[in-house]
C-alpha cells in the first residue's frame, strides 16, 4: 500500500482520485 507519497510515485492515483490524501482507497 502506498501513502501520501503515492501522488508522485503513482500518477494513476492522481489521475483517478486527484487526491493524494487517500490513495490507499484504490489499493
C-alpha atoms as a PDB file:
ATOM      1  CA  UNK A   1       0.000   0.000   0.000  1.00  0.00           C
ATOM      2  CA  UNK A   2       1.135   3.489  -0.773  1.00  0.00           C
ATOM      3  CA  UNK A   3       0.703   6.567   1.363  1.00  0.00           C
ATOM      4  CA  UNK A   4       0.552  10.289   0.625  1.00  0.00           C
ATOM      5  CA  UNK A   5       3.769   9.828  -1.326  1.00  0.00           C
ATOM      6  CA  UNK A   6       1.756   7.876  -3.888  1.00  0.00           C
ATOM      7  CA  UNK A   7       0.949  11.120  -5.640  1.00  0.00           C
ATOM      8  CA  UNK A   8       4.471  11.329  -7.005  1.00  0.00           C
ATOM      9  CA  UNK A   9       5.025   7.578  -7.089  1.00  0.00           C
ATOM     10  CA  UNK A  10       1.760   6.578  -8.714  1.00  0.00           C
ATOM     11  CA  UNK A  11       0.380   9.039 -11.289  1.00  0.00           C
ATOM     12  CA  UNK A  12      -2.638   6.755 -11.680  1.00  0.00           C
ATOM     13  CA  UNK A  13      -3.808   7.732  -8.216  1.00  0.00           C
ATOM     14  CA  UNK A  14      -3.660  11.404  -9.125  1.00  0.00           C
ATOM     15  CA  UNK A  15      -5.487  10.840 -12.399  1.00  0.00           C
ATOM     16  CA  UNK A  16      -8.137   8.656 -10.791  1.00  0.00           C
ATOM     17  CA  UNK A  17      -8.753  10.366  -7.479  1.00  0.00           C
ATOM     18  CA  UNK A  18      -6.853  13.595  -7.901  1.00  0.00           C
ATOM     19  CA  UNK A  19      -6.330  13.492  -4.165  1.00  0.00           C
ATOM     20  CA  UNK A  20      -3.129  12.061  -2.685  1.00  0.00           C
ATOM     21  CA  UNK A  21      -4.625  12.128   0.786  1.00  0.00           C
ATOM     22  CA  UNK A  22      -6.476   8.857   0.301  1.00  0.00           C
ATOM     23  CA  UNK A  23      -4.566   6.807  -2.298  1.00  0.00           C
ATOM     24  CA  UNK A  24      -4.831   3.636  -0.246  1.00  0.00           C
ATOM     25  CA  UNK A  25      -8.544   3.512  -1.106  1.00  0.00           C
ATOM     26  CA  UNK A  26      -7.701   2.492  -4.651  1.00  0.00           C
ATOM     27  CA  UNK A  27      -5.353  -0.224  -3.488  1.00  0.00           C
END
